Protein backbone atom coordinates (compact mmCIF):
# COMPACT_ATOMS: atom_id res chain seq x y z
CA MET A 1 -37.73 -23.69 4.95
CA ILE A 2 -37.62 -25.49 8.23
CA TYR A 3 -39.24 -23.59 11.19
CA GLU A 4 -38.27 -24.65 14.74
CA LYS A 5 -40.12 -23.23 17.82
CA GLN A 6 -37.74 -22.17 20.61
CA LYS A 7 -38.43 -22.26 24.31
CA ILE A 8 -39.31 -18.57 24.31
CA GLU A 9 -42.85 -17.74 23.14
CA ASP A 10 -42.87 -16.22 19.51
CA LEU A 11 -39.22 -17.16 18.95
CA TYR A 12 -38.34 -19.46 16.01
CA LEU A 13 -35.11 -20.75 14.36
CA ILE A 14 -35.67 -20.54 10.57
CA LYS A 15 -33.44 -22.83 8.41
CA PRO A 16 -33.49 -21.97 4.77
CA LYS A 17 -33.02 -24.88 2.30
CA GLU A 18 -30.11 -24.22 -0.11
CA PHE A 19 -30.38 -25.31 -3.82
CA LYS A 20 -26.97 -25.95 -5.50
CA ASP A 21 -26.25 -26.47 -9.10
CA ALA A 22 -23.31 -25.89 -11.52
CA ARG A 23 -23.76 -22.17 -11.38
CA GLY A 24 -23.61 -21.95 -7.51
CA SER A 25 -26.48 -21.85 -5.12
CA THR A 26 -29.69 -20.06 -4.23
CA LEU A 27 -31.91 -20.06 -1.03
CA GLU A 28 -35.13 -18.43 -0.03
CA THR A 29 -34.70 -16.66 3.38
CA TYR A 30 -38.38 -15.49 3.98
CA ARG A 31 -41.70 -16.20 2.64
CA GLN A 32 -44.47 -14.26 4.19
CA LEU A 33 -47.47 -16.60 3.48
CA GLU A 34 -45.48 -19.55 4.74
CA MET A 35 -44.40 -17.69 7.97
CA ASN A 36 -47.93 -16.44 8.53
CA LYS A 37 -49.18 -20.02 8.34
CA PHE A 38 -46.57 -21.30 10.77
CA VAL A 39 -46.97 -18.68 13.31
CA ASN A 40 -50.84 -18.52 12.88
CA ARG A 41 -51.02 -14.75 12.35
CA LYS A 42 -50.13 -12.11 9.75
CA ILE A 43 -46.49 -11.02 9.80
CA ASN A 44 -45.80 -7.43 8.72
CA PHE A 45 -42.12 -7.50 7.76
CA VAL A 46 -41.07 -3.89 7.27
CA GLN A 47 -37.42 -3.46 7.48
CA ASN A 48 -34.15 -5.29 6.52
CA ASN A 49 -30.71 -4.29 7.93
CA LEU A 50 -27.29 -5.66 7.13
CA ALA A 51 -24.35 -5.30 9.60
CA LYS A 52 -20.79 -6.31 9.20
CA SER A 53 -18.69 -6.87 12.43
CA PHE A 54 -15.08 -7.46 13.15
CA GLY A 55 -14.06 -10.43 15.23
CA ASN A 56 -14.83 -10.60 19.14
CA VAL A 57 -17.52 -7.83 18.83
CA ILE A 58 -20.56 -7.52 21.02
CA ARG A 59 -23.13 -5.90 18.58
CA GLY A 60 -25.60 -4.76 21.11
CA LEU A 61 -28.65 -5.53 23.23
CA HIS A 62 -31.80 -4.36 21.70
CA TYR A 63 -35.48 -4.22 22.95
CA GLN A 64 -38.53 -2.16 22.09
CA SER A 65 -41.38 -0.99 24.25
CA GLU A 66 -44.74 -2.55 23.32
CA LYS A 67 -45.90 0.53 21.31
CA ALA A 68 -42.78 0.27 19.06
CA ALA A 69 -42.21 -3.46 19.26
CA GLN A 70 -40.90 -5.25 16.06
CA GLY A 71 -39.56 -8.73 15.29
CA LYS A 72 -36.07 -9.30 14.25
CA LEU A 73 -34.88 -11.60 11.41
CA VAL A 74 -31.18 -12.38 12.00
CA GLN A 75 -29.11 -14.00 9.15
CA VAL A 76 -25.34 -14.55 8.86
CA ILE A 77 -23.93 -14.60 5.43
CA GLU A 78 -20.21 -14.93 6.36
CA GLY A 79 -18.58 -16.41 9.55
CA GLU A 80 -20.62 -17.09 12.63
CA ILE A 81 -22.21 -15.47 15.53
CA PHE A 82 -23.58 -16.46 19.04
CA ASP A 83 -26.98 -14.97 19.00
CA VAL A 84 -28.98 -14.68 22.22
CA ALA A 85 -32.64 -13.80 22.88
CA VAL A 86 -34.03 -13.03 26.27
CA ASP A 87 -37.78 -12.78 27.05
CA ILE A 88 -38.27 -9.51 29.15
CA ARG A 89 -41.98 -9.23 28.40
CA LYS A 90 -43.43 -9.24 32.05
CA ASN A 91 -46.72 -10.72 30.76
CA SER A 92 -45.26 -13.47 28.75
CA LYS A 93 -45.61 -17.22 29.74
CA THR A 94 -41.76 -17.46 28.93
CA PHE A 95 -40.68 -14.31 30.90
CA GLY A 96 -37.06 -14.60 32.01
CA LYS A 97 -36.15 -17.54 29.75
CA TRP A 98 -33.28 -17.15 27.23
CA VAL A 99 -32.10 -18.92 24.17
CA GLY A 100 -28.70 -19.00 22.61
CA VAL A 101 -27.70 -20.35 19.25
CA ILE A 102 -24.78 -20.26 17.03
CA LEU A 103 -25.79 -18.96 13.50
CA ASN A 104 -23.31 -19.24 10.67
CA GLU A 105 -23.15 -19.07 6.83
CA ASP A 106 -24.24 -22.73 6.52
């Protein structure tokens, strides 16, 4: 996988490598030990959700208080989305910054 730091602290763009053969393709979307090494701390990945949206939909704005904070891993398996992250952590070095990226099935 390719990991790219973003302009928000603790935000990364992860690009999986796809392996193709005569049967189709496969890709690895997450590897805990590799991620731990890249971010230099232990990641505790505890939940996976799958959402399907119709066209021209705003799915929602999500945040957590520090006590219930959790990371998000967003993946698009069909079509494309414009995904936006905004740093609203008042004590963060990147407070107020935002990143928007188009994610798609490729």
